[in-house]
């Protein structure tokens, strides 16, 4: 078993991202995926960037890194009245990946 720890060493900055759950922008920590290590835990809202993609960890969600360096996301239960595609599009539109 890996002891959980904060992913502070991988923190590379902060950025605003749109989250429908907040009905607006949230100030999110931005983590470098390549600097995350086994046991690192990240609470949402947060962004995890690598060269090819950005992983959005939503409000009330979390992610952790396992022993094989896999990023394991724990997603919040979805609201059955919400349209999942609309939520994903809104989150993606608010993420600045430049």
N, C-alpha and C. Protein backbone atom coordinates (compact mmCIF):
# COMPACT_ATOMS: atom_id res chain seq x y z
N UNK A 1 0.83 -1.20 0.00
CA UNK A 1 0.00 0.00 0.00
C UNK A 1 0.87 1.26 0.00
N UNK A 2 0.41 2.26 -0.69
CA UNK A 2 1.15 3.52 -0.80
C UNK A 2 0.51 4.54 0.13
N UNK A 3 1.32 5.21 0.92
CA UNK A 3 0.80 6.25 1.81
C UNK A 3 0.38 7.47 0.99
N UNK A 4 -0.84 7.96 1.22
CA UNK A 4 -1.28 9.16 0.49
C UNK A 4 -0.46 10.37 0.89
N UNK A 5 -0.28 11.27 -0.06
CA UNK A 5 0.45 12.51 0.23
C UNK A 5 -0.05 13.60 -0.71
N UNK A 6 0.19 14.83 -0.33
CA UNK A 6 -0.19 15.97 -1.17
C UNK A 6 0.73 16.01 -2.38
N UNK A 7 0.20 16.47 -3.50
CA UNK A 7 0.96 16.51 -4.75
C UNK A 7 1.65 17.85 -4.96
N UNK A 8 2.06 18.50 -3.89
CA UNK A 8 2.63 19.84 -3.96
C UNK A 8 3.84 19.99 -4.86
N UNK A 9 4.67 18.95 -4.96
CA UNK A 9 5.87 19.04 -5.80
C UNK A 9 5.53 19.17 -7.28
N UNK A 10 4.33 18.72 -7.67
CA UNK A 10 3.92 18.77 -9.08
C UNK A 10 3.14 20.04 -9.41
N UNK A 11 2.84 20.85 -8.41
CA UNK A 11 2.06 22.08 -8.64
C UNK A 11 2.88 23.06 -9.48
N UNK A 12 2.30 23.49 -10.61
CA UNK A 12 3.04 24.41 -11.49
C UNK A 12 2.37 25.76 -11.66
N UNK A 13 1.22 25.95 -11.06
CA UNK A 13 0.54 27.24 -11.16
C UNK A 13 -0.93 27.12 -10.86
N UNK A 14 -1.67 28.17 -11.23
CA UNK A 14 -3.11 28.22 -11.03
C UNK A 14 -3.75 28.82 -12.27
N UNK A 15 -5.01 28.46 -12.51
CA UNK A 15 -5.72 28.99 -13.67
C UNK A 15 -7.22 28.94 -13.40
N UNK A 16 -7.95 29.86 -14.00
CA UNK A 16 -9.40 29.84 -13.91
C UNK A 16 -9.95 28.84 -14.91
N UNK A 17 -10.95 28.06 -14.49
CA UNK A 17 -11.65 27.13 -15.37
C UNK A 17 -13.13 27.16 -15.02
N UNK A 18 -13.97 26.99 -16.02
CA UNK A 18 -15.43 27.05 -15.86
C UNK A 18 -15.95 25.71 -15.35
N UNK A 19 -16.79 25.77 -14.31
CA UNK A 19 -17.44 24.58 -13.77
C UNK A 19 -18.92 24.87 -13.59
N UNK A 20 -19.79 24.13 -14.28
CA UNK A 20 -21.23 24.36 -14.14
C UNK A 20 -21.71 24.22 -12.70
N UNK A 21 -21.09 23.32 -11.93
CA UNK A 21 -21.48 23.13 -10.53
C UNK A 21 -21.33 24.40 -9.72
N UNK A 22 -20.41 25.23 -10.11
CA UNK A 22 -20.17 26.50 -9.43
C UNK A 22 -20.86 27.66 -10.14
N UNK A 23 -21.47 27.37 -11.29
CA UNK A 23 -22.12 28.40 -12.12
C UNK A 23 -21.14 29.53 -12.42
N UNK A 24 -19.91 29.17 -12.63
CA UNK A 24 -18.90 30.17 -12.94
C UNK A 24 -17.51 29.57 -12.93
N UNK A 25 -16.55 30.47 -12.88
CA UNK A 25 -15.15 30.07 -12.90
C UNK A 25 -14.66 29.74 -11.49
N UNK A 26 -13.73 28.80 -11.42
CA UNK A 26 -13.07 28.45 -10.16
C UNK A 26 -11.56 28.59 -10.38
N UNK A 27 -10.89 29.08 -9.37
CA UNK A 27 -9.43 29.18 -9.40
C UNK A 27 -8.88 27.79 -9.09
N UNK A 28 -8.23 27.17 -10.07
CA UNK A 28 -7.78 25.78 -9.94
C UNK A 28 -6.27 25.67 -9.87
N UNK A 29 -5.78 24.78 -9.03
CA UNK A 29 -4.36 24.45 -9.11
C UNK A 29 -4.11 23.66 -10.40
N UNK A 30 -2.95 23.86 -10.99
CA UNK A 30 -2.55 23.15 -12.21
C UNK A 30 -1.33 22.32 -11.87
N UNK A 31 -1.41 21.01 -12.14
CA UNK A 31 -0.34 20.08 -11.81
C UNK A 31 0.34 19.56 -13.07
N UNK A 32 1.64 19.33 -12.98
CA UNK A 32 2.42 18.73 -14.05
C UNK A 32 2.32 17.22 -13.90
N UNK A 33 1.68 16.56 -14.87
CA UNK A 33 1.45 15.11 -14.80
C UNK A 33 2.76 14.34 -14.67
N UNK A 34 3.81 14.84 -15.30
CA UNK A 34 5.08 14.13 -15.29
C UNK A 34 5.79 14.19 -13.94
N UNK A 35 5.38 15.10 -13.06
CA UNK A 35 6.00 15.22 -11.74
C UNK A 35 5.19 14.53 -10.64
N UNK A 36 4.02 13.98 -11.00
CA UNK A 36 3.23 13.27 -10.00
C UNK A 36 3.88 11.93 -9.69
N UNK A 37 3.78 11.51 -8.43
CA UNK A 37 4.42 10.28 -7.97
C UNK A 37 3.39 9.39 -7.26
N UNK A 38 3.68 8.10 -7.15
CA UNK A 38 2.77 7.21 -6.43
C UNK A 38 2.43 7.74 -5.04
N UNK A 39 1.14 7.72 -4.74
CA UNK A 39 0.65 8.22 -3.46
C UNK A 39 0.13 9.65 -3.53
N UNK A 40 0.49 10.40 -4.57
CA UNK A 40 -0.01 11.77 -4.70
C UNK A 40 -1.53 11.77 -4.82
N UNK A 41 -2.17 12.70 -4.11
CA UNK A 41 -3.62 12.85 -4.17
C UNK A 41 -3.94 14.30 -4.49
N UNK A 42 -4.97 14.48 -5.33
CA UNK A 42 -5.38 15.80 -5.76
C UNK A 42 -6.88 15.93 -5.59
N UNK A 43 -7.31 16.97 -4.91
CA UNK A 43 -8.74 17.25 -4.74
C UNK A 43 -9.18 18.28 -5.77
N UNK A 44 -10.36 18.05 -6.33
CA UNK A 44 -10.89 18.99 -7.32
C UNK A 44 -11.57 20.18 -6.67
N UNK A 45 -11.75 21.23 -7.42
CA UNK A 45 -11.41 21.33 -8.82
C UNK A 45 -9.91 21.53 -9.03
N UNK A 46 -9.40 20.85 -10.06
CA UNK A 46 -7.97 20.92 -10.38
C UNK A 46 -7.76 20.52 -11.84
N UNK A 47 -6.61 20.90 -12.38
CA UNK A 47 -6.23 20.54 -13.74
C UNK A 47 -4.89 19.81 -13.67
N UNK A 48 -4.78 18.73 -14.44
CA UNK A 48 -3.53 17.97 -14.51
C UNK A 48 -3.12 17.97 -15.98
N UNK A 49 -1.97 18.58 -16.26
CA UNK A 49 -1.54 18.74 -17.65
C UNK A 49 -0.35 17.85 -17.97
N UNK A 50 -0.38 17.32 -19.19
CA UNK A 50 0.81 16.71 -19.76
C UNK A 50 0.95 17.25 -21.17
N UNK A 51 1.90 16.75 -21.92
CA UNK A 51 2.18 17.30 -23.25
C UNK A 51 1.01 17.13 -24.21
N UNK A 52 0.24 16.06 -24.07
CA UNK A 52 -0.82 15.76 -25.01
C UNK A 52 -2.22 16.10 -24.55
N UNK A 53 -2.44 16.33 -23.26
CA UNK A 53 -3.81 16.49 -22.78
C UNK A 53 -3.88 17.22 -21.45
N UNK A 54 -5.11 17.54 -21.06
CA UNK A 54 -5.40 18.11 -19.75
C UNK A 54 -6.49 17.27 -19.12
N UNK A 55 -6.27 16.81 -17.91
CA UNK A 55 -7.28 16.05 -17.16
C UNK A 55 -7.96 17.04 -16.21
N UNK A 56 -9.27 17.13 -16.31
CA UNK A 56 -10.05 18.02 -15.45
C UNK A 56 -10.60 17.20 -14.29
N UNK A 57 -10.23 17.60 -13.08
CA UNK A 57 -10.79 16.99 -11.88
C UNK A 57 -11.83 17.97 -11.38
N UNK A 58 -13.09 17.56 -11.42
CA UNK A 58 -14.20 18.45 -11.14
C UNK A 58 -14.42 18.75 -9.67
N UNK A 59 -15.39 19.58 -9.42
CA UNK A 59 -15.79 19.96 -8.07
C UNK A 59 -16.27 18.70 -7.35
N UNK A 60 -15.75 18.45 -6.17
CA UNK A 60 -16.15 17.29 -5.38
C UNK A 60 -15.53 15.98 -5.85
N UNK A 61 -14.63 16.04 -6.81
CA UNK A 61 -13.97 14.84 -7.33
C UNK A 61 -12.52 14.83 -6.85
N UNK A 62 -11.83 13.72 -7.07
CA UNK A 62 -10.43 13.63 -6.66
C UNK A 62 -9.69 12.69 -7.60
N UNK A 63 -8.38 12.71 -7.50
CA UNK A 63 -7.53 11.81 -8.28
C UNK A 63 -6.35 11.41 -7.40
N UNK A 64 -5.82 10.24 -7.71
CA UNK A 64 -4.63 9.76 -7.00
C UNK A 64 -3.75 9.02 -7.99
N UNK A 65 -2.49 8.88 -7.62
CA UNK A 65 -1.53 8.17 -8.47
C UNK A 65 -1.21 6.85 -7.78
N UNK A 66 -1.38 5.73 -8.52
CA UNK A 66 -1.12 4.42 -7.93
C UNK A 66 0.36 4.03 -8.11
N UNK A 67 0.70 2.82 -7.67
CA UNK A 67 2.10 2.36 -7.68
C UNK A 67 2.69 2.28 -9.09
N UNK A 68 1.84 2.11 -10.11
CA UNK A 68 2.31 2.02 -11.49
C UNK A 68 2.23 3.37 -12.21
N UNK A 69 2.06 4.45 -11.44
CA UNK A 69 1.98 5.82 -11.95
C UNK A 69 0.69 6.10 -12.75
N UNK A 70 -0.32 5.24 -12.61
CA UNK A 70 -1.61 5.49 -13.24
C UNK A 70 -2.34 6.58 -12.48
N UNK A 71 -3.06 7.42 -13.18
CA UNK A 71 -3.89 8.45 -12.57
C UNK A 71 -5.29 7.86 -12.40
N UNK A 72 -5.74 7.71 -11.17
CA UNK A 72 -7.03 7.12 -10.86
C UNK A 72 -7.97 8.24 -10.40
N UNK A 73 -9.02 8.49 -11.16
CA UNK A 73 -9.96 9.57 -10.83
C UNK A 73 -11.19 8.99 -10.13
N UNK A 74 -11.62 9.68 -9.09
CA UNK A 74 -12.87 9.35 -8.39
C UNK A 74 -13.86 10.44 -8.76
N UNK A 75 -14.83 10.08 -9.60
CA UNK A 75 -15.77 11.09 -10.08
C UNK A 75 -16.99 11.15 -9.18
N UNK A 76 -17.58 12.33 -9.12
CA UNK A 76 -18.78 12.54 -8.31
C UNK A 76 -19.97 11.87 -8.97
N UNK A 77 -20.94 11.48 -8.17
CA UNK A 77 -22.18 10.92 -8.72
C UNK A 77 -22.83 11.98 -9.59
N UNK A 78 -23.29 11.54 -10.76
CA UNK A 78 -23.89 12.51 -11.68
C UNK A 78 -25.32 12.82 -11.30
N UNK A 79 -25.73 14.01 -11.64
CA UNK A 79 -27.09 14.47 -11.43
C UNK A 79 -27.91 13.96 -12.61
N UNK A 80 -28.91 13.09 -12.39
CA UNK A 80 -29.64 12.54 -13.52
C UNK A 80 -30.38 13.59 -14.35
N UNK A 81 -30.60 14.75 -13.78
CA UNK A 81 -31.29 15.80 -14.53
C UNK A 81 -30.32 16.61 -15.39
N UNK A 82 -29.02 16.41 -15.18
CA UNK A 82 -28.02 17.17 -15.95
C UNK A 82 -27.65 16.41 -17.22
N UNK A 83 -27.40 17.13 -18.27
CA UNK A 83 -26.97 16.54 -19.52
C UNK A 83 -25.45 16.41 -19.48
N UNK A 84 -24.93 15.19 -19.45
CA UNK A 84 -23.49 14.96 -19.30
C UNK A 84 -22.69 15.61 -20.42
N UNK A 85 -23.19 15.56 -21.63
CA UNK A 85 -22.46 16.17 -22.76
C UNK A 85 -22.35 17.66 -22.57
N UNK A 86 -23.40 18.31 -22.10
CA UNK A 86 -23.37 19.75 -21.86
C UNK A 86 -22.35 20.08 -20.79
N UNK A 87 -22.31 19.27 -19.72
CA UNK A 87 -21.35 19.50 -18.63
C UNK A 87 -19.93 19.39 -19.15
N UNK A 88 -19.64 18.33 -19.89
CA UNK A 88 -18.28 18.13 -20.39
C UNK A 88 -17.88 19.24 -21.35
N UNK A 89 -18.79 19.66 -22.20
CA UNK A 89 -18.47 20.75 -23.14
C UNK A 89 -18.19 22.05 -22.40
N UNK A 90 -18.96 22.33 -21.36
CA UNK A 90 -18.76 23.57 -20.61
C UNK A 90 -17.43 23.56 -19.88
N UNK A 91 -17.09 22.43 -19.29
CA UNK A 91 -15.80 22.31 -18.59
C UNK A 91 -14.66 22.46 -19.59
N UNK A 92 -14.76 21.75 -20.71
CA UNK A 92 -13.70 21.81 -21.71
C UNK A 92 -13.55 23.21 -22.28
N UNK A 93 -14.64 23.90 -22.48
CA UNK A 93 -14.59 25.25 -23.04
C UNK A 93 -13.91 26.23 -22.09
N UNK A 94 -13.99 25.95 -20.79
CA UNK A 94 -13.40 26.85 -19.82
C UNK A 94 -11.93 26.57 -19.54
N UNK A 95 -11.39 25.52 -20.10
CA UNK A 95 -10.00 25.15 -19.84
C UNK A 95 -9.11 25.76 -20.90
N UNK A 96 -8.17 26.57 -20.48
CA UNK A 96 -7.21 27.17 -21.39
C UNK A 96 -5.99 26.28 -21.43
N UNK A 97 -5.78 25.59 -22.55
CA UNK A 97 -4.67 24.65 -22.64
C UNK A 97 -3.48 25.21 -23.42
N UNK A 98 -3.46 26.50 -23.60
CA UNK A 98 -2.34 27.10 -24.34
C UNK A 98 -1.10 27.19 -23.49
